[in-house]
Amino acid sequence: MRIIKIKTLEEKWTKHPDTESALREWIRDVQDADWENSNEVQNRYPSARTLKDNRVVFNIKGNDYRLIVHIFYPAKVVYIKWFGTHAEYDHVDPLEVDDY
């Protein structure tokens, strides 16, 4: 899979250094993936939450942070939509947010 806006995640782990290792691992894992649908994402990440419009919410660093992405399966592209703490996540609409 190709990830759009990896730079955004790099900026986030500069702000939240405790996430760097987890985000780097997530990036490597997703780049190596070849997901055809949300079931395949769910098989790899059972704690991920799949939403309408091919959006997925990943728990990062346990459950301390959340990452919202949109996956366009036919082109194998993952778009970063939002990243923040669990507390910040409680104040966004995961289907609408597009901070980047």
PDB file of N, CA and C in Angstrom:
ATOM      1  N   MET A   1       0.857  -1.177   0.000  1.00  0.00           N
ATOM      2  CA  MET A   1       0.000   0.000   0.000  1.00  0.00           C
ATOM      3  C   MET A   1       0.897   1.232   0.000  1.00  0.00           C
ATOM      4  N   ARG A   2       0.406   2.264  -0.637  1.00  0.00           N
ATOM      5  CA  ARG A   2       1.130   3.537  -0.654  1.00  0.00           C
ATOM      6  C   ARG A   2       0.436   4.483   0.329  1.00  0.00           C
ATOM      7  N   ILE A   3       1.212   5.126   1.165  1.00  0.00           N
ATOM      8  CA  ILE A   3       0.664   6.026   2.175  1.00  0.00           C
ATOM      9  C   ILE A   3       0.888   7.467   1.732  1.00  0.00           C
ATOM     10  N   ILE A   4      -0.194   8.211   1.675  1.00  0.00           N
ATOM     11  CA  ILE A   4      -0.129   9.630   1.316  1.00  0.00           C
ATOM     12  C   ILE A   4      -0.063  10.447   2.603  1.00  0.00           C
ATOM     13  N   LYS A   5       0.918  11.334   2.666  1.00  0.00           N
ATOM     14  CA  LYS A   5       1.143  12.256   3.777  1.00  0.00           C
ATOM     15  C   LYS A   5       1.890  11.613   4.943  1.00  0.00           C
ATOM     16  N   ILE A   6       2.862  10.765   4.645  1.00  0.00           N
ATOM     17  CA  ILE A   6       3.720  10.216   5.700  1.00  0.00           C
ATOM     18  C   ILE A   6       4.405  11.349   6.453  1.00  0.00           C
ATOM     19  N   LYS A   7       4.742  12.399   5.754  1.00  0.00           N
ATOM     20  CA  LYS A   7       5.398  13.557   6.377  1.00  0.00           C
ATOM     21  C   LYS A   7       4.576  14.074   7.560  1.00  0.00           C
ATOM     22  N   THR A   8       3.272  14.021   7.437  1.00  0.00           N
ATOM     23  CA  THR A   8       2.386  14.439   8.519  1.00  0.00           C
ATOM     24  C   THR A   8       2.638  13.609   9.770  1.00  0.00           C
ATOM     25  N   LEU A   9       2.808  12.303   9.586  1.00  0.00           N
ATOM     26  CA  LEU A   9       3.069  11.444  10.736  1.00  0.00           C
ATOM     27  C   LEU A   9       4.433  11.741  11.343  1.00  0.00           C
ATOM     28  N   GLU A  10       5.406  12.039  10.500  1.00  0.00           N
ATOM     29  CA  GLU A  10       6.722  12.418  11.014  1.00  0.00           C
ATOM     30  C   GLU A  10       6.621  13.684  11.870  1.00  0.00           C
ATOM     31  N   GLU A  11       5.816  14.631  11.429  1.00  0.00           N
ATOM     32  CA  GLU A  11       5.613  15.860  12.211  1.00  0.00           C
ATOM     33  C   GLU A  11       4.925  15.547  13.530  1.00  0.00           C
ATOM     34  N   LYS A  12       4.015  14.606  13.507  1.00  0.00           N
ATOM     35  CA  LYS A  12       3.284  14.241  14.721  1.00  0.00           C
ATOM     36  C   LYS A  12       4.200  13.569  15.736  1.00  0.00           C
ATOM     37  N   TRP A  13       5.101  12.693  15.280  1.00  0.00           N
ATOM     38  CA  TRP A  13       5.965  12.049  16.269  1.00  0.00           C
ATOM     39  C   TRP A  13       7.045  12.995  16.775  1.00  0.00           C
ATOM     40  N   THR A  14       7.269  14.092  16.073  1.00  0.00           N
ATOM     41  CA  THR A  14       8.142  15.132  16.616  1.00  0.00           C
ATOM     42  C   THR A  14       7.433  15.821  17.786  1.00  0.00           C
ATOM     43  N   LYS A  15       6.143  16.034  17.634  1.00  0.00           N
ATOM     44  CA  LYS A  15       5.333  16.657  18.680  1.00  0.00           C
ATOM     45  C   LYS A  15       5.059  15.674  19.829  1.00  0.00           C
ATOM     46  N   HIS A  16       4.895  14.397  19.477  1.00  0.00           N
ATOM     47  CA  HIS A  16       4.614  13.336  20.461  1.00  0.00           C
ATOM     48  C   HIS A  16       5.671  12.246  20.307  1.00  0.00           C
ATOM     49  N   PRO A  17       6.880  12.460  20.842  1.00  0.00           N
ATOM     50  CA  PRO A  17       7.992  11.515  20.639  1.00  0.00           C
ATOM     51  C   PRO A  17       7.695  10.088  21.088  1.00  0.00           C
ATOM     52  N   ASP A  18       6.779   9.918  22.008  1.00  0.00           N
ATOM     53  CA  ASP A  18       6.448   8.572  22.470  1.00  0.00           C
ATOM     54  C   ASP A  18       5.726   7.743  21.411  1.00  0.00           C
ATOM     55  N   THR A  19       5.313   8.369  20.305  1.00  0.00           N
ATOM     56  CA  THR A  19       4.610   7.644  19.233  1.00  0.00           C
ATOM     57  C   THR A  19       5.521   7.220  18.091  1.00  0.00           C
ATOM     58  N   GLU A  20       6.748   7.705  18.057  1.00  0.00           N
ATOM     59  CA  GLU A  20       7.611   7.475  16.889  1.00  0.00           C
ATOM     60  C   GLU A  20       7.746   5.989  16.557  1.00  0.00           C
ATOM     61  N   SER A  21       8.090   5.189  17.519  1.00  0.00           N
ATOM     62  CA  SER A  21       8.302   3.762  17.270  1.00  0.00           C
ATOM     63  C   SER A  21       7.028   3.098  16.748  1.00  0.00           C
ATOM     64  N   ALA A  22       5.900   3.375  17.376  1.00  0.00           N
ATOM     65  CA  ALA A  22       4.631   2.773  16.960  1.00  0.00           C
ATOM     66  C   ALA A  22       4.223   3.233  15.568  1.00  0.00           C
ATOM     67  N   LEU A  23       4.411   4.525  15.270  1.00  0.00           N
ATOM     68  CA  LEU A  23       4.048   5.022  13.941  1.00  0.00           C
ATOM     69  C   LEU A  23       4.970   4.468  12.858  1.00  0.00           C
ATOM     70  N   ARG A  24       6.261   4.372  13.148  1.00  0.00           N
ATOM     71  CA  ARG A  24       7.183   3.791  12.167  1.00  0.00           C
ATOM     72  C   ARG A  24       6.812   2.332  11.875  1.00  0.00           C
ATOM     73  N   GLU A  25       6.463   1.605  12.907  1.00  0.00           N
ATOM     74  CA  GLU A  25       6.061   0.209  12.733  1.00  0.00           C
ATOM     75  C   GLU A  25       4.780   0.120  11.903  1.00  0.00           C
ATOM     76  N   TRP A  26       3.811   0.999  12.195  1.00  0.00           N
ATOM     77  CA  TRP A  26       2.561   1.025  11.428  1.00  0.00           C
ATOM     78  C   TRP A  26       2.850   1.337   9.955  1.00  0.00           C
ATOM     79  N   ILE A  27       3.699   2.313   9.698  1.00  0.00           N
ATOM     80  CA  ILE A  27       4.043   2.681   8.318  1.00  0.00           C
ATOM     81  C   ILE A  27       4.646   1.490   7.584  1.00  0.00           C
ATOM     82  N   ARG A  28       5.643   0.844   8.192  1.00  0.00           N
ATOM     83  CA  ARG A  28       6.277  -0.323   7.547  1.00  0.00           C
ATOM     84  C   ARG A  28       5.258  -1.417   7.259  1.00  0.00           C
ATOM     85  N   ASP A  29       4.419  -1.688   8.235  1.00  0.00           N
ATOM     86  CA  ASP A  29       3.430  -2.742   8.091  1.00  0.00           C
ATOM     87  C   ASP A  29       2.442  -2.437   6.964  1.00  0.00           C
ATOM     88  N   VAL A  30       1.954  -1.216   6.919  1.00  0.00           N
ATOM     89  CA  VAL A  30       0.984  -0.832   5.893  1.00  0.00           C
ATOM     90  C   VAL A  30       1.633  -0.815   4.510  1.00  0.00           C
ATOM     91  N   GLN A  31       2.857  -0.342   4.408  1.00  0.00           N
ATOM     92  CA  GLN A  31       3.541  -0.334   3.114  1.00  0.00           C
ATOM     93  C   GLN A  31       3.746  -1.752   2.579  1.00  0.00           C
ATOM     94  N   ASP A  32       3.891  -2.715   3.474  1.00  0.00           N
ATOM     95  CA  ASP A  32       4.063  -4.110   3.067  1.00  0.00           C
ATOM     96  C   ASP A  32       2.739  -4.816   2.783  1.00  0.00           C
ATOM     97  N   ALA A  33       1.634  -4.200   3.184  1.00  0.00           N
ATOM     98  CA  ALA A  33       0.317  -4.818   3.022  1.00  0.00           C
ATOM     99  C   ALA A  33      -0.166  -4.726   1.574  1.00  0.00           C
ATOM    100  N   ASP A  34      -1.141  -5.554   1.268  1.00  0.00           N
ATOM    101  CA  ASP A  34      -1.776  -5.562  -0.049  1.00  0.00           C
ATOM    102  C   ASP A  34      -3.281  -5.787   0.145  1.00  0.00           C
ATOM    103  N   TRP A  35      -3.887  -4.893   0.924  1.00  0.00           N
ATOM    104  CA  TRP A  35      -5.279  -5.064   1.300  1.00  0.00           C
ATOM    105  C   TRP A  35      -6.216  -4.865   0.112  1.00  0.00           C
ATOM    106  N   GLU A  36      -7.173  -5.762   0.017  1.00  0.00           N
ATOM    107  CA  GLU A  36      -8.215  -5.675  -1.016  1.00  0.00           C
ATOM    108  C   GLU A  36      -9.510  -5.090  -0.455  1.00  0.00           C
ATOM    109  N   ASN A  37      -9.684  -5.194   0.871  1.00  0.00           N
ATOM    110  CA  ASN A  37     -10.940  -4.744   1.483  1.00  0.00           C
ATOM    111  C   ASN A  37     -10.744  -4.565   2.991  1.00  0.00           C
ATOM    112  N   SER A  38     -11.789  -4.069   3.638  1.00  0.00           N
ATOM    113  CA  SER A  38     -11.704  -3.776   5.072  1.00  0.00           C
ATOM    114  C   SER A  38     -11.575  -5.045   5.918  1.00  0.00           C
ATOM    115  N   ASN A  39     -12.065  -6.175   5.425  1.00  0.00           N
ATOM    116  CA  ASN A  39     -11.911  -7.428   6.174  1.00  0.00           C
ATOM    117  C   ASN A  39     -10.442  -7.782   6.345  1.00  0.00           C
ATOM    118  N   GLU A  40      -9.641  -7.524   5.337  1.00  0.00           N
ATOM    119  CA  GLU A  40      -8.213  -7.814   5.424  1.00  0.00           C
ATOM    120  C   GLU A  40      -7.515  -6.879   6.421  1.00  0.00           C
ATOM    121  N   VAL A  41      -7.953  -5.639   6.468  1.00  0.00           N
ATOM    122  CA  VAL A  41      -7.415  -4.697   7.461  1.00  0.00           C
ATOM    123  C   VAL A  41      -7.780  -5.196   8.854  1.00  0.00           C
ATOM    124  N   GLN A  42      -9.036  -5.575   9.027  1.00  0.00           N
ATOM    125  CA  GLN A  42      -9.525  -6.045  10.325  1.00  0.00           C
ATOM    126  C   GLN A  42      -8.807  -7.320  10.769  1.00  0.00           C
ATOM    127  N   ASN A  43      -8.461  -8.191   9.825  1.00  0.00           N
ATOM    128  CA  ASN A  43      -7.718  -9.405  10.165  1.00  0.00           C
ATOM    129  C   ASN A  43      -6.339  -9.066  10.704  1.00  0.00           C
ATOM    130  N   ARG A  44      -5.702  -8.059  10.131  1.00  0.00           N
ATOM    131  CA  ARG A  44      -4.363  -7.662  10.569  1.00  0.00           C
ATOM    132  C   ARG A  44      -4.410  -6.829  11.839  1.00  0.00           C
ATOM    133  N   TYR A  45      -5.414  -5.962  11.936  1.00  0.00           N
ATOM    134  CA  TYR A  45      -5.560  -5.051  13.077  1.00  0.00           C
ATOM    135  C   TYR A  45      -6.948  -5.241  13.698  1.00  0.00           C
ATOM    136  N   PRO A  46      -7.118  -6.256  14.528  1.00  0.00           N
ATOM    137  CA  PRO A  46      -8.437  -6.529  15.114  1.00  0.00           C
ATOM    138  C   PRO A  46      -9.010  -5.373  15.934  1.00  0.00           C
ATOM    139  N   SER A  47      -8.166  -4.523  16.486  1.00  0.00           N
ATOM    140  CA  SER A  47      -8.675  -3.403  17.287  1.00  0.00           C
ATOM    141  C   SER A  47      -9.030  -2.188  16.430  1.00  0.00           C
ATOM    142  N   ALA A  48      -8.720  -2.237  15.140  1.00  0.00           N
ATOM    143  CA  ALA A  48      -9.076  -1.122  14.256  1.00  0.00           C
ATOM    144  C   ALA A  48     -10.593  -1.079  14.085  1.00  0.00           C
ATOM    145  N   ARG A  49     -11.084   0.100  13.869  1.00  0.00           N
ATOM    146  CA  ARG A  49     -12.527   0.285  13.674  1.00  0.00           C
ATOM    147  C   ARG A  49     -12.759   0.719  12.233  1.00  0.00           C
ATOM    148  N   THR A  50     -13.500  -0.077  11.496  1.00  0.00           N
ATOM    149  CA  THR A  50     -13.806   0.281  10.114  1.00  0.00           C
ATOM    150  C   THR A  50     -15.103   1.080  10.092  1.00  0.00           C
ATOM    151  N   LEU A  51     -15.090   2.131   9.268  1.00  0.00           N
ATOM    152  CA  LEU A  51     -16.226   3.037   9.172  1.00  0.00           C
ATOM    153  C   LEU A  51     -16.718   3.100   7.734  1.00  0.00           C
ATOM    154  N   LYS A  52     -17.789   3.861   7.531  1.00  0.00           N
ATOM    155  CA  LYS A  52     -18.274   4.102   6.170  1.00  0.00           C
ATOM    156  C   LYS A  52     -17.199   4.808   5.353  1.00  0.00           C
ATOM    157  N   ASP A  53     -17.377   4.788   4.051  1.00  0.00           N
ATOM    158  CA  ASP A  53     -16.504   5.517   3.127  1.00  0.00           C
ATOM    159  C   ASP A  53     -15.050   5.037   3.216  1.00  0.00           C
ATOM    160  N   ASN A  54     -14.863   3.754   3.568  1.00  0.00           N
ATOM    161  CA  ASN A  54     -13.532   3.148   3.634  1.00  0.00           C
ATOM    162  C   ASN A  54     -12.580   3.886   4.575  1.00  0.00           C
ATOM    163  N   ARG A  55     -13.121   4.447   5.617  1.00  0.00           N
ATOM    164  CA  ARG A  55     -12.287   5.037   6.660  1.00  0.00           C
ATOM    165  C   ARG A  55     -12.018   3.998   7.730  1.00  0.00           C
ATOM    166  N   VAL A  56     -10.832   4.098   8.314  1.00  0.00           N
ATOM    167  CA  VAL A  56     -10.431   3.174   9.367  1.00  0.00           C
ATOM    168  C   VAL A  56      -9.777   3.977  10.484  1.00  0.00           C
ATOM    169  N   VAL A  57     -10.101   3.620  11.721  1.00  0.00           N
ATOM    170  CA  VAL A  57      -9.489   4.234  12.893  1.00  0.00           C
ATOM    171  C   VAL A  57      -8.565   3.194  13.521  1.00  0.00           C
ATOM    172  N   PHE A  58      -7.284   3.530  13.594  1.00  0.00           N
ATOM    173  CA  PHE A  58      -6.287   2.653  14.197  1.00  0.00           C
ATOM    174  C   PHE A  58      -5.934   3.168  15.586  1.00  0.00           C
ATOM    175  N   ASN A  59      -5.757   2.247  16.514  1.00  0.00           N
ATOM    176  CA  ASN A  59      -5.211   2.580  17.827  1.00  0.00           C
ATOM    177  C   ASN A  59      -3.703   2.553  17.707  1.00  0.00           C
ATOM    178  N   ILE A  60      -3.068   3.617  18.127  1.00  0.00           N
ATOM    179  CA  ILE A  60      -1.611   3.723  18.072  1.00  0.00           C
ATOM    180  C   ILE A  60      -1.076   3.814  19.498  1.00  0.00           C
ATOM    181  N   LYS A  61       0.011   3.069  19.718  1.00  0.00           N
ATOM    182  CA  LYS A  61       0.635   3.036  21.053  1.00  0.00           C
ATOM    183  C   LYS A  61      -0.393   2.621  22.092  1.00  0.00           C
ATOM    184  N   GLY A  62      -0.827   1.387  21.933  1.00  0.00           N
ATOM    185  CA  GLY A  62      -1.892   0.891  22.803  1.00  0.00           C
ATOM    186  C   GLY A  62      -3.176   1.555  22.403  1.00  0.00           C
ATOM    187  N   ASN A  63      -3.733   2.317  23.274  1.00  0.00           N
ATOM    188  CA  ASN A  63      -4.948   3.054  22.953  1.00  0.00           C
ATOM    189  C   ASN A  63      -4.767   4.527  23.291  1.00  0.00           C
ATOM    190  N   ASP A  64      -3.493   4.980  23.362  1.00  0.00           N
ATOM    191  CA  ASP A  64      -3.215   6.363  23.738  1.00  0.00           C
ATOM    192  C   ASP A  64      -3.496   7.348  22.611  1.00  0.00           C
ATOM    193  N   TYR A  65      -3.330   6.904  21.368  1.00  0.00           N
ATOM    194  CA  TYR A  65      -3.492   7.776  20.204  1.00  0.00           C
ATOM    195  C   TYR A  65      -4.383   7.092  19.178  1.00  0.00           C
ATOM    196  N   ARG A  66      -4.978   7.915  18.312  1.00  0.00           N
ATOM    197  CA  ARG A  66      -5.824   7.406  17.239  1.00  0.00           C
ATOM    198  C   ARG A  66      -5.339   7.979  15.915  1.00  0.00           C
ATOM    199  N   LEU A  67      -5.420   7.142  14.896  1.00  0.00           N
ATOM    200  CA  LEU A  67      -5.054   7.526  13.535  1.00  0.00           C
ATOM    201  C   LEU A  67      -6.234   7.198  12.638  1.00  0.00           C
ATOM    202  N   ILE A  68      -6.737   8.210  11.933  1.00  0.00           N
ATOM    203  CA  ILE A  68      -7.848   8.017  11.004  1.00  0.00           C
ATOM    204  C   ILE A  68      -7.295   8.091   9.591  1.00  0.00           C
ATOM    205  N   VAL A  69      -7.636   7.090   8.781  1.00  0.00           N
ATOM    206  CA  VAL A  69      -7.197   7.061   7.387  1.00  0.00           C
ATOM    207  C   VAL A  69      -8.386   6.761   6.489  1.00  0.00           C
ATOM    208  N   HIS A  70      -8.215   7.076   5.232  1.00  0.00           N
ATOM    209  CA  HIS A  70      -9.159   6.653   4.193  1.00  0.00           C
ATOM    210  C   HIS A  70      -8.366   5.742   3.264  1.00  0.00           C
ATOM    211  N   ILE A  71      -8.917   4.574   2.965  1.00  0.00           N
ATOM    212  CA  ILE A  71      -8.222   3.622   2.102  1.00  0.00           C
ATOM    213  C   ILE A  71      -8.965   3.497   0.786  1.00  0.00           C
ATOM    214  N   PHE A  72      -8.243   3.744  -0.302  1.00  0.00           N
ATOM    215  CA  PHE A  72      -8.783   3.539  -1.637  1.00  0.00           C
ATOM    216  C   PHE A  72      -8.202   2.218  -2.134  1.00  0.00           C
ATOM    217  N   TYR A  73      -8.953   1.153  -1.895  1.00  0.00           N
ATOM    218  CA  TYR A  73      -8.456  -0.194  -2.144  1.00  0.00           C
ATOM    219  C   TYR A  73      -8.048  -0.474  -3.594  1.00  0.00           C
ATOM    220  N   PRO A  74      -8.815  -0.020  -4.608  1.00  0.00           N
ATOM    221  CA  PRO A  74      -8.415  -0.350  -5.989  1.00  0.00           C
ATOM    222  C   PRO A  74      -7.020   0.153  -6.363  1.00  0.00           C
ATOM    223  N   ALA A  75      -6.637   1.327  -5.834  1.00  0.00           N
ATOM    224  CA  ALA A  75      -5.325   1.900  -6.157  1.00  0.00           C
ATOM    225  C   ALA A  75      -4.277   1.572  -5.100  1.00  0.00           C
ATOM    226  N   LYS A  76      -4.679   0.885  -4.026  1.00  0.00           N
ATOM    227  CA  LYS A  76      -3.757   0.524  -2.932  1.00  0.00           C
ATOM    228  C   LYS A  76      -3.158   1.767  -2.280  1.00  0.00           C
ATOM    229  N   VAL A  77      -4.024   2.735  -1.967  1.00  0.00           N
ATOM    230  CA  VAL A  77      -3.572   4.002  -1.396  1.00  0.00           C
ATOM    231  C   VAL A  77      -4.253   4.232  -0.046  1.00  0.00           C
ATOM    232  N   VAL A  78      -3.450   4.660   0.925  1.00  0.00           N
ATOM    233  CA  VAL A  78      -3.933   4.995   2.260  1.00  0.00           C
ATOM    234  C   VAL A  78      -3.680   6.486   2.477  1.00  0.00           C
ATOM    235  N   TYR A  79      -4.746   7.240   2.701  1.00  0.00           N
ATOM    236  CA  TYR A  79      -4.642   8.681   2.931  1.00  0.00           C
ATOM    237  C   TYR A  79      -4.741   8.964   4.426  1.00  0.00           C
ATOM    238  N   ILE A  80      -3.764   9.658   4.969  1.00  0.00           N
ATOM    239  CA  ILE A  80      -3.806  10.069   6.364  1.00  0.00           C
ATOM    240  C   ILE A  80      -4.820  11.202   6.486  1.00  0.00           C
ATOM    241  N   LYS A  81      -5.783  11.044   7.391  1.00  0.00           N
ATOM    242  CA  LYS A  81      -6.808  12.076   7.574  1.00  0.00           C
ATOM    243  C   LYS A  81      -6.665  12.825   8.897  1.00  0.00           C
ATOM    244  N   TRP A  82      -6.227  12.102   9.952  1.00  0.00           N
ATOM    245  CA  TRP A  82      -6.144  12.754  11.257  1.00  0.00           C
ATOM    246  C   TRP A  82      -5.329  11.886  12.200  1.00  0.00           C
ATOM    247  N   PHE A  83      -4.600  12.531  13.114  1.00  0.00           N
ATOM    248  CA  PHE A  83      -3.880  11.827  14.165  1.00  0.00           C
ATOM    249  C   PHE A  83      -3.928  12.673  15.423  1.00  0.00           C
ATOM    250  N   GLY A  84      -4.179  12.036  16.548  1.00  0.00           N
ATOM    251  CA  GLY A  84      -4.190  12.760  17.814  1.00  0.00           C
ATOM    252  C   GLY A  84      -4.354  11.831  18.985  1.00  0.00           C
ATOM    253  N   THR A  85      -4.428  12.428  20.151  1.00  0.00           N
ATOM    254  CA  THR A  85      -4.588  11.636  21.362  1.00  0.00           C
ATOM    255  C   THR A  85      -6.006  11.070  21.414  1.00  0.00           C
ATOM    256  N   HIS A  86      -6.169  10.090  22.272  1.00  0.00           N
ATOM    257  CA  HIS A  86      -7.494   9.507  22.467  1.00  0.00           C
ATOM    258  C   HIS A  86      -8.473  10.595  22.917  1.00  0.00           C
ATOM    259  N   ALA A  87      -8.037  11.464  23.811  1.00  0.00           N
ATOM    260  CA  ALA A  87      -8.906  12.544  24.296  1.00  0.00           C
ATOM    261  C   ALA A  87      -9.292  13.494  23.165  1.00  0.00           C
ATOM    262  N   GLU A  88      -8.352  13.827  22.282  1.00  0.00           N
ATOM    263  CA  GLU A  88      -8.655  14.707  21.142  1.00  0.00           C
ATOM    264  C   GLU A  88      -9.618  14.024  20.175  1.00  0.00           C
ATOM    265  N   TYR A  89      -9.463  12.724  20.026  1.00  0.00           N
ATOM    266  CA  TYR A  89     -10.334  11.952  19.130  1.00  0.00           C
ATOM    267  C   TYR A  89     -11.796  12.064  19.541  1.00  0.00           C
ATOM    268  N   ASP A  90     -12.035  12.164  20.835  1.00  0.00           N
ATOM    269  CA  ASP A  90     -13.406  12.277  21.331  1.00  0.00           C
ATOM    270  C   ASP A  90     -14.107  13.546  20.852  1.00  0.00           C
ATOM    271  N   HIS A  91     -13.354  14.494  20.279  1.00  0.00           N
ATOM    272  CA  HIS A  91     -13.917  15.772  19.843  1.00  0.00           C
ATOM    273  C   HIS A  91     -13.941  15.942  18.326  1.00  0.00           C
ATOM    274  N   VAL A  92     -13.677  14.864  17.578  1.00  0.00           N
ATOM    275  CA  VAL A  92     -13.726  14.957  16.114  1.00  0.00           C
ATOM    276  C   VAL A  92     -14.745  13.959  15.578  1.00  0.00           C
ATOM    277  N   ASP A  93     -15.221  14.232  14.398  1.00  0.00           N
ATOM    278  CA  ASP A  93     -16.097  13.295  13.692  1.00  0.00           C
ATOM    279  C   ASP A  93     -15.214  12.490  12.751  1.00  0.00           C
ATOM    280  N   PRO A  94     -14.996  11.206  13.031  1.00  0.00           N
ATOM    281  CA  PRO A  94     -14.065  10.417  12.221  1.00  0.00           C
ATOM    282  C   PRO A  94     -14.486  10.262  10.756  1.00  0.00           C
ATOM    283  N   LEU A  95     -15.758  10.517  10.466  1.00  0.00           N
ATOM    284  CA  LEU A  95     -16.216  10.413   9.073  1.00  0.00           C
ATOM    285  C   LEU A  95     -16.021  11.708   8.304  1.00  0.00           C
ATOM    286  N   GLU A  96     -15.795  12.801   9.016  1.00  0.00           N
ATOM    287  CA  GLU A  96     -15.690  14.100   8.370  1.00  0.00           C
ATOM    288  C   GLU A  96     -14.308  14.729   8.469  1.00  0.00           C
ATOM    289  N   VAL A  97     -13.561  14.404   9.508  1.00  0.00           N
ATOM    290  CA  VAL A  97     -12.300  15.084   9.769  1.00  0.00           C
ATOM    291  C   VAL A  97     -11.324  14.883   8.606  1.00  0.00           C
ATOM    292  N   ASP A  98     -10.628  15.956   8.263  1.00  0.00           N
ATOM    293  CA  ASP A  98      -9.616  15.911   7.198  1.00  0.00           C
ATOM    294  C   ASP A  98      -8.654  17.054   7.465  1.00  0.00           C
ATOM    295  N   ASP A  99      -7.836  16.884   8.488  1.00  0.00           N
ATOM    296  CA  ASP A  99      -6.933  17.953   8.923  1.00  0.00           C
ATOM    297  C   ASP A  99      -5.746  18.174   7.993  1.00  0.00           C
ATOM    298  N   TYR A 100      -5.491  17.246   7.119  1.00  0.00           N
ATOM    299  CA  TYR A 100      -4.261  17.346   6.363  1.00  0.00           C
ATOM    300  C   TYR A 100      -4.564  17.532   4.923  1.00  0.00           C
TER     301      TYR A 100
END
